[in-house]
Structures are given as C-alpha cells and as structure tokens.
PDB file of N, CA and C in Angstrom:
ATOM      1  N   MET A   1     146.356 218.422 126.747  1.00  0.00           N
ATOM      2  CA  MET A   1     145.516 218.060 127.882  1.00  0.00           C
ATOM      3  C   MET A   1     144.680 216.821 127.562  1.00  0.00           C
ATOM      4  N   VAL A   2     144.206 216.753 126.358  1.00  0.00           N
ATOM      5  CA  VAL A   2     143.386 215.594 125.967  1.00  0.00           C
ATOM      6  C   VAL A   2     144.239 214.338 125.990  1.00  0.00           C
ATOM      7  N   LYS A   3     145.513 214.437 125.555  1.00  0.00           N
ATOM      8  CA  LYS A   3     146.385 213.259 125.550  1.00  0.00           C
ATOM      9  C   LYS A   3     146.614 212.779 126.992  1.00  0.00           C
ATOM     10  N   ILE A   4     146.817 213.729 127.897  1.00  0.00           N
ATOM     11  CA  ILE A   4     147.022 213.368 129.297  1.00  0.00           C
ATOM     12  C   ILE A   4     145.781 212.689 129.852  1.00  0.00           C
ATOM     13  N   LEU A   5     144.606 213.243 129.547  1.00  0.00           N
ATOM     14  CA  LEU A   5     143.352 212.634 130.005  1.00  0.00           C
ATOM     15  C   LEU A   5     143.172 211.245 129.419  1.00  0.00           C
ATOM     16  N   MET A   6     143.510 211.087 128.144  1.00  0.00           N
ATOM     17  CA  MET A   6     143.360 209.768 127.530  1.00  0.00           C
ATOM     18  C   MET A   6     144.277 208.758 128.224  1.00  0.00           C
ATOM     19  N   LEU A   7     145.481 209.179 128.639  1.00  0.00           N
ATOM     20  CA  LEU A   7     146.360 208.255 129.345  1.00  0.00           C
ATOM     21  C   LEU A   7     145.831 207.952 130.749  1.00  0.00           C
ATOM     22  N   ILE A   8     145.334 208.961 131.427  1.00  0.00           N
ATOM     23  CA  ILE A   8     144.835 208.745 132.806  1.00  0.00           C
ATOM     24  C   ILE A   8     143.574 207.903 132.811  1.00  0.00           C
ATOM     25  N   LEU A   9     142.631 208.216 131.889  1.00  0.00           N
ATOM     26  CA  LEU A   9     141.355 207.501 131.872  1.00  0.00           C
ATOM     27  C   LEU A   9     141.450 206.179 131.099  1.00  0.00           C
ATOM     28  N   GLY A  10     142.587 205.929 130.443  1.00  0.00           N
ATOM     29  CA  GLY A  10     142.742 204.673 129.712  1.00  0.00           C
ATOM     30  C   GLY A  10     141.859 204.605 128.489  1.00  0.00           C
ATOM     31  N   SER A  11     141.635 205.694 127.865  1.00  0.00           N
ATOM     32  CA  SER A  11     140.757 205.746 126.701  1.00  0.00           C
ATOM     33  C   SER A  11     141.559 206.125 125.472  1.00  0.00           C
ATOM     34  N   ALA A  12     141.388 205.379 124.407  1.00  0.00           N
ATOM     35  CA  ALA A  12     142.099 205.667 123.165  1.00  0.00           C
ATOM     36  C   ALA A  12     141.214 206.419 122.189  1.00  0.00           C
ATOM     37  N   ASP A  13     139.944 206.578 122.511  1.00  0.00           N
ATOM     38  CA  ASP A  13     139.028 207.262 121.591  1.00  0.00           C
ATOM     39  C   ASP A  13     138.986 208.761 121.873  1.00  0.00           C
ATOM     40  N   ARG A  14     138.283 209.490 121.064  1.00  0.00           N
ATOM     41  CA  ARG A  14     138.177 210.920 121.241  1.00  0.00           C
ATOM     42  C   ARG A  14     137.091 211.305 122.232  1.00  0.00           C
ATOM     43  N   GLY A  15     136.516 210.337 122.895  1.00  0.00           N
ATOM     44  CA  GLY A  15     135.511 210.606 123.923  1.00  0.00           C
ATOM     45  C   GLY A  15     136.114 211.273 125.143  1.00  0.00           C
ATOM     46  N   ALA A  16     137.447 211.223 125.238  1.00  0.00           N
ATOM     47  CA  ALA A  16     138.095 211.879 126.366  1.00  0.00           C
ATOM     48  C   ALA A  16     137.887 213.400 126.313  1.00  0.00           C
ATOM     49  N   GLY A  17     137.794 213.935 125.103  1.00  0.00           N
ATOM     50  CA  GLY A  17     137.498 215.370 124.962  1.00  0.00           C
ATOM     51  C   GLY A  17     136.133 215.704 125.506  1.00  0.00           C
ATOM     52  N   HIS A  18     135.161 214.821 125.276  1.00  0.00           N
ATOM     53  CA  HIS A  18     133.826 215.033 125.810  1.00  0.00           C
ATOM     54  C   HIS A  18     133.830 214.944 127.331  1.00  0.00           C
ATOM     55  N   ARG A  19     134.617 213.993 127.845  1.00  0.00           N
ATOM     56  CA  ARG A  19     134.699 213.864 129.301  1.00  0.00           C
ATOM     57  C   ARG A  19     135.386 215.096 129.897  1.00  0.00           C
ATOM     58  N   LEU A  20     136.384 215.611 129.230  1.00  0.00           N
ATOM     59  CA  LEU A  20     137.043 216.820 129.693  1.00  0.00           C
ATOM     60  C   LEU A  20     136.043 217.991 129.708  1.00  0.00           C
ATOM     61  N   GLY A  21     135.206 218.061 128.688  1.00  0.00           N
ATOM     62  CA  GLY A  21     134.184 219.093 128.649  1.00  0.00           C
ATOM     63  C   GLY A  21     133.186 218.968 129.791  1.00  0.00           C
ATOM     64  N   MET A  22     132.799 217.731 130.092  1.00  0.00           N
ATOM     65  CA  MET A  22     131.847 217.509 131.197  1.00  0.00           C
ATOM     66  C   MET A  22     132.495 217.838 132.536  1.00  0.00           C
ATOM     67  N   ILE A  23     133.792 217.526 132.688  1.00  0.00           N
ATOM     68  CA  ILE A  23     134.497 217.877 133.906  1.00  0.00           C
ATOM     69  C   ILE A  23     134.570 219.377 134.060  1.00  0.00           C
ATOM     70  N   ALA A  24     134.836 220.091 132.942  1.00  0.00           N
ATOM     71  CA  ALA A  24     134.919 221.559 132.981  1.00  0.00           C
ATOM     72  C   ALA A  24     133.566 222.152 133.336  1.00  0.00           C
ATOM     73  N   ILE A  25     132.495 221.657 132.759  1.00  0.00           N
ATOM     74  CA  ILE A  25     131.147 222.175 133.063  1.00  0.00           C
ATOM     75  C   ILE A  25     130.796 221.927 134.516  1.00  0.00           C
ATOM     76  N   THR A  26     131.082 220.726 135.008  1.00  0.00           N
ATOM     77  CA  THR A  26     130.782 220.399 136.409  1.00  0.00           C
ATOM     78  C   THR A  26     131.587 221.274 137.337  1.00  0.00           C
ATOM     79  N   SER A  27     132.860 221.482 137.026  1.00  0.00           N
ATOM     80  CA  SER A  27     133.701 222.361 137.860  1.00  0.00           C
ATOM     81  C   SER A  27     133.181 223.776 137.855  1.00  0.00           C
ATOM     82  N   PHE A  28     132.740 224.270 136.696  1.00  0.00           N
ATOM     83  CA  PHE A  28     132.198 225.616 136.610  1.00  0.00           C
ATOM     84  C   PHE A  28     130.929 225.761 137.427  1.00  0.00           C
ATOM     85  N   ILE A  29     130.034 224.797 137.343  1.00  0.00           N
ATOM     86  CA  ILE A  29     128.801 224.855 138.106  1.00  0.00           C
ATOM     87  C   ILE A  29     129.083 224.780 139.615  1.00  0.00           C
ATOM     88  N   SER A  30     130.020 223.919 140.002  1.00  0.00           N
ATOM     89  CA  SER A  30     130.375 223.827 141.423  1.00  0.00           C
ATOM     90  C   SER A  30     130.996 225.101 141.911  1.00  0.00           C
ATOM     91  N   THR A  31     131.804 225.742 141.098  1.00  0.00           N
ATOM     92  CA  THR A  31     132.403 227.014 141.483  1.00  0.00           C
ATOM     93  C   THR A  31     131.327 228.072 141.658  1.00  0.00           C
ATOM     94  N   LEU A  32     130.379 228.142 140.732  1.00  0.00           N
ATOM     95  CA  LEU A  32     129.297 229.123 140.865  1.00  0.00           C
ATOM     96  C   LEU A  32     128.479 228.863 142.109  1.00  0.00           C
ATOM     97  N   SER A  33     128.228 227.599 142.390  1.00  0.00           N
ATOM     98  CA  SER A  33     127.467 227.272 143.586  1.00  0.00           C
ATOM     99  C   SER A  33     128.205 227.715 144.827  1.00  0.00           C
ATOM    100  N   GLY A  34     129.507 227.495 144.852  1.00  0.00           N
ATOM    101  CA  GLY A  34     130.314 227.919 145.992  1.00  0.00           C
ATOM    102  C   GLY A  34     130.325 229.402 146.127  1.00  0.00           C
ATOM    103  N   LEU A  35     130.431 230.118 144.989  1.00  0.00           N
ATOM    104  CA  LEU A  35     130.442 231.578 145.032  1.00  0.00           C
ATOM    105  C   LEU A  35     129.067 232.097 145.489  1.00  0.00           C
ATOM    106  N   TRP A  36     127.997 231.428 145.050  1.00  0.00           N
ATOM    107  CA  TRP A  36     126.656 231.853 145.473  1.00  0.00           C
ATOM    108  C   TRP A  36     126.509 231.668 146.987  1.00  0.00           C
ATOM    109  N   GLY A  37     127.013 230.587 147.529  1.00  0.00           N
ATOM    110  CA  GLY A  37     126.958 230.389 148.975  1.00  0.00           C
ATOM    111  C   GLY A  37     127.736 231.446 149.733  1.00  0.00           C
ATOM    112  N   VAL A  38     128.893 231.828 149.191  1.00  0.00           N
ATOM    113  CA  VAL A  38     129.687 232.878 149.819  1.00  0.00           C
ATOM    114  C   VAL A  38     128.940 234.188 149.754  1.00  0.00           C
ATOM    115  N   LEU A  39     128.314 234.478 148.618  1.00  0.00           N
ATOM    116  CA  LEU A  39     127.557 235.705 148.457  1.00  0.00           C
ATOM    117  C   LEU A  39     126.417 235.801 149.464  1.00  0.00           C
ATOM    118  N   VAL A  40     125.685 234.728 149.646  1.00  0.00           N
ATOM    119  CA  VAL A  40     124.557 234.727 150.573  1.00  0.00           C
ATOM    120  C   VAL A  40     125.071 234.892 152.004  1.00  0.00           C
ATOM    121  N   THR A  41     126.127 234.207 152.356  1.00  0.00           N
ATOM    122  CA  THR A  41     126.700 234.327 153.706  1.00  0.00           C
ATOM    123  C   THR A  41     127.187 235.752 153.957  1.00  0.00           C
ATOM    124  N   ASP A  42     127.888 236.322 152.993  1.00  0.00           N
ATOM    125  CA  ASP A  42     128.389 237.694 153.145  1.00  0.00           C
ATOM    126  C   ASP A  42     127.245 238.681 153.272  1.00  0.00           C
ATOM    127  N   LEU A  43     126.188 238.481 152.507  1.00  0.00           N
ATOM    128  CA  LEU A  43     125.024 239.379 152.598  1.00  0.00           C
ATOM    129  C   LEU A  43     124.386 239.313 153.972  1.00  0.00           C
ATOM    130  N   PHE A  44     124.252 238.095 154.505  1.00  0.00           N
ATOM    131  CA  PHE A  44     123.675 237.927 155.847  1.00  0.00           C
ATOM    132  C   PHE A  44     124.549 238.621 156.894  1.00  0.00           C
ATOM    133  N   GLN A  45     125.858 238.430 156.798  1.00  0.00           N
ATOM    134  CA  GLN A  45     126.756 239.059 157.750  1.00  0.00           C
ATOM    135  C   GLN A  45     126.694 240.592 157.637  1.00  0.00           C
ATOM    136  N   PHE A  46     126.597 241.091 156.402  1.00  0.00           N
ATOM    137  CA  PHE A  46     126.499 242.549 156.205  1.00  0.00           C
ATOM    138  C   PHE A  46     125.255 243.116 156.861  1.00  0.00           C
ATOM    139  N   VAL A  47     124.111 242.431 156.683  1.00  0.00           N
ATOM    140  CA  VAL A  47     122.855 242.910 157.271  1.00  0.00           C
ATOM    141  C   VAL A  47     122.940 242.906 158.775  1.00  0.00           C
ATOM    142  N   VAL A  48     123.498 241.845 159.348  1.00  0.00           N
ATOM    143  CA  VAL A  48     123.614 241.766 160.812  1.00  0.00           C
ATOM    144  C   VAL A  48     124.534 242.876 161.337  1.00  0.00           C
ATOM    145  N   LYS A  49     125.663 243.043 160.700  1.00  0.00           N
ATOM    146  CA  LYS A  49     126.647 244.046 161.157  1.00  0.00           C
ATOM    147  C   LYS A  49     126.110 245.462 160.992  1.00  0.00           C
ATOM    148  N   MET A  50     125.426 245.728 159.882  1.00  0.00           N
ATOM    149  CA  MET A  50     124.849 247.066 159.695  1.00  0.00           C
ATOM    150  C   MET A  50     123.779 247.347 160.729  1.00  0.00           C
ATOM    151  N   GLY A  51     122.983 246.351 161.071  1.00  0.00           N
ATOM    152  CA  GLY A  51     121.993 246.535 162.136  1.00  0.00           C
ATOM    153  C   GLY A  51     122.649 246.844 163.466  1.00  0.00           C
ATOM    154  N   MET A  52     123.738 246.134 163.756  1.00  0.00           N
ATOM    155  CA  MET A  52     124.452 246.398 165.023  1.00  0.00           C
ATOM    156  C   MET A  52     125.079 247.789 165.030  1.00  0.00           C
ATOM    157  N   VAL A  53     125.619 248.240 163.886  1.00  0.00           N
ATOM    158  CA  VAL A  53     126.213 249.567 163.810  1.00  0.00           C
ATOM    159  C   VAL A  53     125.176 250.651 163.981  1.00  0.00           C
ATOM    160  N   ILE A  54     124.001 250.462 163.383  1.00  0.00           N
ATOM    161  CA  ILE A  54     122.948 251.445 163.527  1.00  0.00           C
ATOM    162  C   ILE A  54     122.468 251.548 164.985  1.00  0.00           C
ATOM    163  N   VAL A  55     122.308 250.419 165.633  1.00  0.00           N
ATOM    164  CA  VAL A  55     121.943 250.434 167.062  1.00  0.00           C
ATOM    165  C   VAL A  55     123.031 251.103 167.883  1.00  0.00           C
ATOM    166  N   LEU A  56     124.297 250.782 167.614  1.00  0.00           N
ATOM    167  CA  LEU A  56     125.416 251.373 168.350  1.00  0.00           C
ATOM    168  C   LEU A  56     125.456 252.893 168.141  1.00  0.00           C
ATOM    169  N   CYS A  57     125.179 253.368 166.928  1.00  0.00           N
ATOM    170  CA  CYS A  57     125.139 254.808 166.669  1.00  0.00           C
ATOM    171  C   CYS A  57     124.033 255.471 167.492  1.00  0.00           C
ATOM    172  N   GLY A  58     122.882 254.833 167.542  1.00  0.00           N
ATOM    173  CA  GLY A  58     121.787 255.383 168.340  1.00  0.00           C
ATOM    174  C   GLY A  58     122.142 255.468 169.809  1.00  0.00           C
ATOM    175  N   VAL A  59     122.760 254.414 170.339  1.00  0.00           N
ATOM    176  CA  VAL A  59     123.187 254.402 171.738  1.00  0.00           C
ATOM    177  C   VAL A  59     124.230 255.474 171.992  1.00  0.00           C
ATOM    178  N   ALA A  60     125.164 255.647 171.076  1.00  0.00           N
ATOM    179  CA  ALA A  60     126.218 256.661 171.241  1.00  0.00           C
ATOM    180  C   ALA A  60     125.631 258.057 171.229  1.00  0.00           C
ATOM    181  N   VAL A  61     124.678 258.316 170.334  1.00  0.00           N
ATOM    182  CA  VAL A  61     124.044 259.649 170.283  1.00  0.00           C
ATOM    183  C   VAL A  61     123.271 259.905 171.573  1.00  0.00           C
ATOM    184  N   LEU A  62     122.566 258.933 172.065  1.00  0.00           N
ATOM    185  CA  LEU A  62     121.834 259.092 173.327  1.00  0.00           C
ATOM    186  C   LEU A  62     122.822 259.325 174.494  1.00  0.00           C
ATOM    187  N   ALA A  63     123.952 258.626 174.517  1.00  0.00           N
ATOM    188  CA  ALA A  63     124.923 258.791 175.570  1.00  0.00           C
ATOM    189  C   ALA A  63     125.535 260.201 175.547  1.00  0.00           C
ATOM    190  N   VAL A  64     125.828 260.704 174.361  1.00  0.00           N
ATOM    191  CA  VAL A  64     126.377 262.050 174.254  1.00  0.00           C
ATOM    192  C   VAL A  64     125.333 263.087 174.644  1.00  0.00           C
ATOM    193  N   ALA A  65     124.087 262.876 174.214  1.00  0.00           N
ATOM    194  CA  ALA A  65     123.014 263.818 174.561  1.00  0.00           C
ATOM    195  C   ALA A  65     122.789 263.834 176.073  1.00  0.00           C
ATOM    196  N   ALA A  66     122.883 262.677 176.722  1.00  0.00           N
ATOM    197  CA  ALA A  66     122.653 262.586 178.173  1.00  0.00           C
ATOM    198  C   ALA A  66     123.803 263.253 178.928  1.00  0.00           C
ATOM    199  N   SER A  67     125.009 263.154 178.389  1.00  0.00           N
ATOM    200  CA  SER A  67     126.159 263.776 179.064  1.00  0.00           C
ATOM    201  C   SER A  67     126.194 265.275 178.916  1.00  0.00           C
ATOM    202  N   MET A  68     125.473 265.828 177.985  1.00  0.00           N
ATOM    203  CA  MET A  68     125.460 267.280 177.760  1.00  0.00           C
ATOM    204  C   MET A  68     124.416 268.002 178.602  1.00  0.00           C
ATOM    205  N   ARG A  69     123.602 267.258 179.314  1.00  0.00           N
ATOM    206  CA  ARG A  69     122.574 267.913 180.141  1.00  0.00           C
ATOM    207  C   ARG A  69     123.125 268.420 181.400  1.00  0.00           C
TER     208      ARG A  69
END
C-alpha cells in the first residue's frame, strides 16, 4: 500500500507512510462523526415515534372504553 501511495503522491521518501497514517486517522474521525450524526438522528426519530405510539395507545384505549358503554 505504501508503494502505491508513493507512486500516486509522487514521493520517493518514507513520508508516504506518515501521509497514509494521517489519511487513516482522518477517515476514522470522519466515520465516527458520521456515525454520531446517524445516532443522534435515530435517537430523535425514536423519541418522536415512541411519543406518537403512546398517544395512539391512549386514544385506542379511550375508543374501546367508549364503545363498551
């Protein structure tokens, strides 16, 4: 992989390994950031949906109770 990077980046020194490391760290941080954004979005959707389900359950119970009178 380092040889391929050295050919692509046009570098004959061993600094290509350091650049590869920096690319890996940046990719890792970007991935975590993306996963964090997905986590926050999913949590928000879960809270909204659970609130709607709780309200729907209450309405259903009231509808059944009203129909039994």
